[in-house]
C-alpha cells in the first residue's frame, strides 16, 4: 500500500512538472511577467496592512521563504548541473530574496504602502547600472544623473510636508532592496541554466540561499513577542510563501530568461501602477492620490530620462 502511494505521488510530481514546463514555455514571457506582477501587487498591501507592526519582520521573512523552499524541494533534481552553478544560484537567492526581503519588510515601518511602491521605481535604473555599466563596462551618461535628481524631487513631492528621518530611512531601505533585487535578476539572467526543466529542477537552491540569510537574521534579531497568532496572519504568510514567492519567483525567473534586459527593466515598473491601484481600491481609500500622482509622475519622468535609447539584449 505504501509503495502504491509513493508511486502515485511520484507520477503526480512528474505530471505537474511537465505541465508547468509546457504551460510556461507556450505562454508569452511578457504575459507571464505581467501575471506575476499582479500577484506581487497584492503582496505589498498584504504585508503593509496585515503584517507590518504585528509580525516580526525577520520571522515573517523566514516563514515566507521557508514555505517557498518546501514547495520547490520535491522538484529538486540537479542532474548534470555543475556544483558551481548550484552554489551561484544559492547566492543569487540569498541576495535577490534573502537580503531584499530584510530591507523591504523593515521599510514598511517607516513608509506607507503607496510610498514603498513608488520608491521601487528605481529598480530598472539599478538593473541598467549593473548590467550595462558594471558588467558591460559602458560609461554612465549624464542623463542618468539628471534622472536621479528628478527622482529625488519626485520623492520630495510625495512627502514634502512630512520629510523626516523616518522617511529618509525608509527611502534608503527601499533603495537597498531595489539594488539587491536588481542584482539578483541580472545575475540569474546570465546564469547558464536556460531550459525550463533545468530551472525547475534547481530552483530550490534559490530559496535555500534566501532561507539561510533569513535564518541568520531571524536567529539574531527576532522579537519573539511579535509572532503570527491569528488565522489571518498565518493565511497571509502562507499565501506569500506558496503563491507570491514559490510560484511567483519561479515563473518570473523562467520568463526573465526569454526577454532582453530592457524589457526586464521595464516590467519591474509595471508593479507600481498595479500595486497603487490595488492599494487605493481595496485598502487605502483616503490616500492623497493627487500628491502620489504628481510625485510619481516626476519619478516616472526620471526613469524615462535615464532609459537607454534602445533595449539591450
Protein backbone atom coordinates (compact mmCIF):
# COMPACT_ATOMS: atom_id res chain seq x y z
CA UNK A 1 0.00 0.00 0.00
CA UNK A 2 2.79 2.39 0.93
CA UNK A 3 4.64 1.67 -2.29
CA UNK A 4 1.47 2.32 -4.26
CA UNK A 5 1.02 5.70 -2.61
CA UNK A 6 4.63 6.63 -3.29
CA UNK A 7 4.16 5.68 -6.94
CA UNK A 8 1.07 7.88 -7.22
CA UNK A 9 2.89 10.80 -5.61
CA UNK A 10 5.89 10.37 -7.93
CA UNK A 11 3.65 10.25 -11.01
CA UNK A 12 1.73 13.32 -9.86
CA UNK A 13 5.00 15.17 -9.35
CA UNK A 14 6.20 14.26 -12.83
CA UNK A 15 2.89 15.31 -14.39
CA UNK A 16 2.92 18.61 -12.53
CA UNK A 17 6.50 19.28 -13.58
CA UNK A 18 5.78 18.54 -17.22
CA UNK A 19 2.57 20.58 -17.18
CA UNK A 20 4.36 23.54 -15.59
CA UNK A 21 7.17 23.48 -18.14
CA UNK A 22 4.78 23.04 -21.06
CA UNK A 23 2.49 25.88 -19.96
CA UNK A 24 5.25 28.37 -19.22
CA UNK A 25 7.10 27.61 -22.44
CA UNK A 26 3.98 28.27 -24.52
CA UNK A 27 2.90 31.50 -22.80
CA UNK A 28 4.38 34.83 -23.83
CA UNK A 29 7.15 35.74 -21.37
CA UNK A 30 5.77 39.28 -21.10
CA UNK A 31 2.36 37.82 -20.20
CA UNK A 32 3.94 35.65 -17.51
CA UNK A 33 5.80 38.64 -16.08
CA UNK A 34 2.55 40.63 -16.11
CA UNK A 35 0.63 37.89 -14.27
CA UNK A 36 3.33 37.64 -11.62
CA UNK A 37 3.25 41.42 -11.28
CA UNK A 38 -0.46 41.28 -10.41
CA UNK A 39 0.26 38.67 -7.75
CA UNK A 40 3.07 40.75 -6.28
CA UNK A 41 0.93 43.91 -6.39
CA UNK A 42 -1.38 42.40 -3.77
CA UNK A 43 1.61 41.26 -1.71
CA UNK A 44 2.71 44.80 -0.91
CA UNK A 45 -0.65 45.69 0.59
CA UNK A 46 -0.96 42.39 2.42
CA UNK A 47 2.40 42.99 4.09
CA UNK A 48 1.72 46.64 4.89
CA UNK A 49 -1.83 46.15 6.18
CA UNK A 50 -1.74 42.79 7.96
CA UNK A 51 1.87 42.02 8.91
CA UNK A 52 3.76 45.28 9.45
CA UNK A 53 3.88 46.02 13.18
CA UNK A 54 2.04 42.80 14.01
CA UNK A 55 4.54 40.11 13.00
CA UNK A 56 8.29 40.50 13.43
CA UNK A 57 9.87 41.26 10.06
CA UNK A 58 12.73 38.76 10.41
CA UNK A 59 10.35 35.98 11.39
CA UNK A 60 7.87 36.82 8.62
CA UNK A 61 10.61 36.69 6.00
CA UNK A 62 11.90 33.33 7.26
CA UNK A 63 8.43 31.78 7.26
CA UNK A 64 7.77 33.07 3.75
CA UNK A 65 10.96 31.78 2.16
CA UNK A 66 10.84 28.50 4.11
CA UNK A 67 7.38 27.78 2.70
CA UNK A 68 8.63 28.56 -0.82
CA UNK A 69 11.57 26.21 -0.29
CA UNK A 70 9.25 23.42 0.85
CA UNK A 71 7.16 23.84 -2.31
CA UNK A 72 10.18 23.51 -4.60
CA UNK A 73 12.13 20.77 -2.81
CA UNK A 74 10.11 17.91 -4.40
CA UNK A 75 11.28 19.09 -7.83
CA UNK A 76 14.96 19.26 -6.88
CA UNK A 77 16.77 17.08 -9.43
CA UNK A 78 20.12 18.77 -10.20
CA UNK A 79 21.34 16.20 -12.71
CA UNK A 80 24.21 17.30 -14.95
CA UNK A 81 24.27 20.75 -13.31
CA UNK A 82 27.76 21.78 -12.11
CA UNK A 83 28.10 22.32 -8.37
CA UNK A 84 29.47 25.79 -9.05
CA UNK A 85 26.25 26.74 -10.82
CA UNK A 86 24.15 25.48 -7.91
CA UNK A 87 26.26 27.48 -5.44
CA UNK A 88 25.88 30.56 -7.61
CA UNK A 89 22.11 30.07 -7.74
CA UNK A 90 22.05 29.77 -3.95
CA UNK A 91 23.99 33.03 -3.66
CA UNK A 92 21.58 34.74 -6.08
CA UNK A 93 18.63 33.69 -3.95
CA UNK A 94 20.41 34.90 -0.82
CA UNK A 95 20.71 38.37 -2.35
CA UNK A 96 17.58 38.70 -4.52
CA UNK A 97 15.19 37.33 -1.91
CA UNK A 98 17.02 36.99 1.41
CA UNK A 99 18.54 40.45 1.58
CA UNK A 100 15.78 42.15 -0.43
CA UNK A 101 13.09 40.97 1.98
CA UNK A 102 15.13 42.05 5.01
CA UNK A 103 15.23 45.62 3.70
CA UNK A 104 11.71 45.63 2.25
CA UNK A 105 9.85 44.39 5.32
CA UNK A 106 11.63 46.92 7.55
CA UNK A 107 10.77 49.75 5.18
CA UNK A 108 7.07 49.25 5.93
CA UNK A 109 7.79 50.52 9.44
CA UNK A 110 8.73 53.92 8.00
CA UNK A 111 6.64 54.30 4.83
CA UNK A 112 3.08 53.75 3.66
CA UNK A 113 2.33 51.06 1.07
CA UNK A 114 1.94 53.60 -1.80
CA UNK A 115 5.28 55.18 -0.89
CA UNK A 116 7.02 51.81 -0.80
CA UNK A 117 5.61 51.04 -4.24
CA UNK A 118 6.62 54.39 -5.72
CA UNK A 119 10.15 54.18 -4.37
CA UNK A 120 10.62 50.79 -6.06
CA UNK A 121 10.57 52.66 -9.36
CA UNK A 122 14.36 52.86 -9.16
CA UNK A 123 14.80 49.12 -9.73
CA UNK A 124 15.09 49.48 -13.55
CA UNK A 125 17.81 52.09 -13.04
CA UNK A 126 19.77 49.68 -10.89
CA UNK A 127 19.32 46.92 -13.49
CA UNK A 128 20.69 49.21 -16.19
CA UNK A 129 23.55 50.38 -13.98
CA UNK A 130 24.59 46.83 -13.06
CA UNK A 131 24.13 45.25 -16.48
CA UNK A 132 25.45 47.99 -18.73
CA UNK A 133 27.96 49.88 -16.59
CA UNK A 134 29.41 47.43 -14.09
CA UNK A 135 29.30 44.34 -16.31
CA UNK A 136 29.39 45.70 -19.86
CA UNK A 137 31.82 48.48 -18.82
CA UNK A 138 29.93 51.27 -20.60
CA UNK A 139 30.16 54.87 -19.41
CA UNK A 140 27.26 56.19 -17.36
CA UNK A 141 25.65 59.03 -19.35
CA UNK A 142 24.78 62.44 -17.91
CA UNK A 143 21.06 61.71 -18.24
CA UNK A 144 21.37 59.07 -15.52
CA UNK A 145 22.47 61.72 -13.02
CA UNK A 146 19.77 64.14 -14.18
CA UNK A 147 17.20 61.40 -13.80
CA UNK A 148 18.46 60.63 -10.31
CA UNK A 149 17.98 64.26 -9.29
CA UNK A 150 14.44 64.24 -10.69
CA UNK A 151 13.70 61.06 -8.76
CA UNK A 152 14.74 62.71 -5.51
CA UNK A 153 12.49 65.67 -6.37
CA UNK A 154 9.58 63.33 -7.00
CA UNK A 155 10.15 61.61 -3.68
CA UNK A 156 10.13 65.02 -2.00
CA UNK A 157 6.77 65.92 -3.57
CA UNK A 158 5.21 62.78 -2.14
CA UNK A 159 6.22 63.65 1.42
CA UNK A 160 7.19 67.34 1.27
CA UNK A 161 5.19 68.20 4.39
CA UNK A 162 6.44 65.27 6.39
CA UNK A 163 10.08 64.87 5.41
CA UNK A 164 11.79 63.32 8.41
CA UNK A 165 14.49 60.91 9.42
CA UNK A 166 11.93 58.11 9.24
CA UNK A 167 11.07 58.88 5.62
CA UNK A 168 14.74 59.06 4.69
CA UNK A 169 15.39 55.76 6.46
CA UNK A 170 12.50 54.11 4.64
CA UNK A 171 13.66 55.51 1.31
CA UNK A 172 17.20 54.18 1.82
CA UNK A 173 15.87 50.77 2.90
CA UNK A 174 13.84 50.54 -0.30
CA UNK A 175 16.85 51.51 -2.40
CA UNK A 176 18.90 48.78 -0.73
CA UNK A 177 16.08 46.34 -1.54
CA UNK A 178 15.93 47.63 -5.13
CA UNK A 179 19.67 47.14 -5.55
CA UNK A 180 19.58 43.57 -4.22
CA UNK A 181 16.55 42.69 -6.34
CA UNK A 182 18.13 44.13 -9.48
CA UNK A 183 21.47 42.43 -8.82
CA UNK A 184 19.74 39.07 -8.45
CA UNK A 185 17.75 39.49 -11.67
CA UNK A 186 20.81 40.40 -13.72
CA UNK A 187 22.82 37.55 -12.21
CA UNK A 188 20.07 34.97 -12.82
CA UNK A 189 19.62 36.10 -16.42
CA UNK A 190 23.33 35.41 -17.00
CA UNK A 191 23.27 32.06 -15.19
CA UNK A 192 23.92 29.14 -17.60
CA UNK A 193 20.59 27.44 -16.84
CA UNK A 194 18.22 28.07 -19.72
CA UNK A 195 15.96 25.05 -20.20
CA UNK A 196 12.68 25.20 -18.21
CA UNK A 197 13.23 21.70 -16.80
CA UNK A 198 16.70 22.65 -15.56
CA UNK A 199 15.33 25.75 -13.88
CA UNK A 200 12.51 23.86 -12.19
CA UNK A 201 14.87 21.11 -11.04
CA UNK A 202 17.35 23.53 -9.47
CA UNK A 203 15.25 26.47 -8.25
CA UNK A 204 15.11 25.09 -4.71
CA UNK A 205 18.71 26.32 -4.36
CA UNK A 206 17.43 29.84 -4.97
CA UNK A 207 15.24 29.70 -1.87
CA UNK A 208 17.84 27.74 0.07
CA UNK A 209 20.07 30.81 -0.15
CA UNK A 210 17.18 33.05 0.87
CA UNK A 211 16.38 30.78 3.82
CA UNK A 212 20.00 30.81 5.02
CA UNK A 213 20.14 34.60 5.09
CA UNK A 214 16.68 34.88 6.63
CA UNK A 215 17.52 32.25 9.23
CA UNK A 216 20.57 34.17 10.40
CA UNK A 217 18.56 37.39 10.63
CA UNK A 218 15.76 35.63 12.50
CA UNK A 219 18.14 33.97 14.99
CA UNK A 220 19.93 37.22 15.78
CA UNK A 221 17.24 39.90 15.74
CA UNK A 222 13.71 38.45 16.01
CA UNK A 223 11.36 39.96 18.58
CA UNK A 224 9.61 36.80 19.73
CA UNK A 225 6.75 38.80 21.21
CA UNK A 226 5.63 39.56 17.65
CA UNK A 227 4.74 36.15 16.29
CA UNK A 228 1.80 35.34 13.99
CA UNK A 229 -1.07 34.45 16.32
CA UNK A 230 -4.18 34.80 14.18
CA UNK A 231 -5.52 32.75 11.30
CA UNK A 232 -5.47 35.87 9.11
CA UNK A 233 -1.76 36.48 9.69
CA UNK A 234 -0.95 32.83 9.02
CA UNK A 235 -3.14 32.87 5.94
CA UNK A 236 -1.29 35.90 4.56
CA UNK A 237 2.10 34.32 5.30
CA UNK A 238 1.11 31.02 3.67
CA UNK A 239 -0.10 32.80 0.54
CA UNK A 240 3.05 34.93 0.38
CA UNK A 241 5.22 31.84 0.76
CA UNK A 242 3.44 29.41 -1.54
CA UNK A 243 1.94 31.72 -4.14
CA UNK A 244 3.79 35.03 -4.32
CA UNK A 245 7.24 33.57 -3.58
CA UNK A 246 7.29 29.90 -4.53
CA UNK A 247 5.25 30.10 -7.71
CA UNK A 248 5.80 33.79 -8.41
CA UNK A 249 9.59 33.82 -8.35
CA UNK A 250 9.86 30.61 -10.35
CA UNK A 251 7.62 31.97 -13.12
CA UNK A 252 9.38 35.35 -13.06
CA UNK A 253 12.81 33.72 -13.31
CA UNK A 254 11.79 31.46 -16.19
CA UNK A 255 10.21 34.33 -18.11
CA UNK A 256 13.20 36.62 -17.49
CA UNK A 257 15.36 34.19 -19.46
CA UNK A 258 13.20 34.84 -22.55
CA UNK A 259 13.26 38.66 -22.60
CA UNK A 260 16.04 41.19 -23.04
CA UNK A 261 17.40 43.34 -20.25
CA UNK A 262 15.47 46.40 -21.38
CA UNK A 263 12.17 44.51 -21.27
CA UNK A 264 13.01 43.08 -17.87
CA UNK A 265 13.79 46.54 -16.50
CA UNK A 266 10.53 47.91 -17.88
CA UNK A 267 8.43 45.11 -16.40
CA UNK A 268 9.78 45.94 -12.95
CA UNK A 269 7.93 49.26 -13.15
CA UNK A 270 4.59 47.72 -14.10
CA UNK A 271 4.32 46.71 -10.44
CA UNK A 272 3.98 50.34 -9.37
CA UNK A 273 0.70 51.40 -11.05
CA UNK A 274 -0.86 47.98 -10.46
CA UNK A 275 0.19 47.96 -6.82
CA UNK A 276 -1.04 51.52 -6.25
CA UNK A 277 -4.35 50.72 -7.89
CA UNK A 278 -4.82 47.65 -5.69
CA UNK A 279 -3.91 49.53 -2.52
CA UNK A 280 -6.11 52.56 -3.18
CA UNK A 281 -9.13 50.50 -4.24
CA UNK A 282 -9.04 47.83 -1.54
CA UNK A 283 -7.16 49.26 1.44
CA UNK A 284 -6.33 52.96 1.28
CA UNK A 285 -9.30 54.97 0.07
CA UNK A 286 -8.08 58.03 1.99
CA UNK A 287 -4.70 58.28 0.30
CA UNK A 288 -3.54 61.62 -1.06
CA UNK A 289 -3.93 60.49 -4.65
CA UNK A 290 -3.05 63.88 -6.17
CA UNK A 291 0.29 64.06 -4.40
CA UNK A 292 1.04 60.45 -5.28
CA UNK A 293 0.25 61.14 -8.94
CA UNK A 294 2.38 64.29 -9.07
CA UNK A 295 5.34 62.77 -7.25
CA UNK A 296 5.01 59.51 -9.14
CA UNK A 297 4.86 61.42 -12.42
CA UNK A 298 8.14 63.18 -11.66
CA UNK A 299 9.76 59.89 -10.67
CA UNK A 300 8.41 58.29 -13.86
CA UNK A 301 9.97 61.19 -15.81
CA UNK A 302 13.28 60.41 -14.11
CA UNK A 303 13.07 56.82 -15.32
CA UNK A 304 12.30 57.99 -18.87
CA UNK A 305 15.28 60.36 -18.78
CA UNK A 306 17.54 57.53 -17.63
CA UNK A 307 16.20 54.99 -20.10
CA UNK A 308 18.56 53.90 -22.89
CA UNK A 309 17.64 54.78 -26.44
CA UNK A 310 17.03 51.13 -27.24
CA UNK A 311 16.61 47.91 -25.27
CA UNK A 312 19.77 45.99 -24.64
CA UNK A 313 19.97 42.24 -25.02
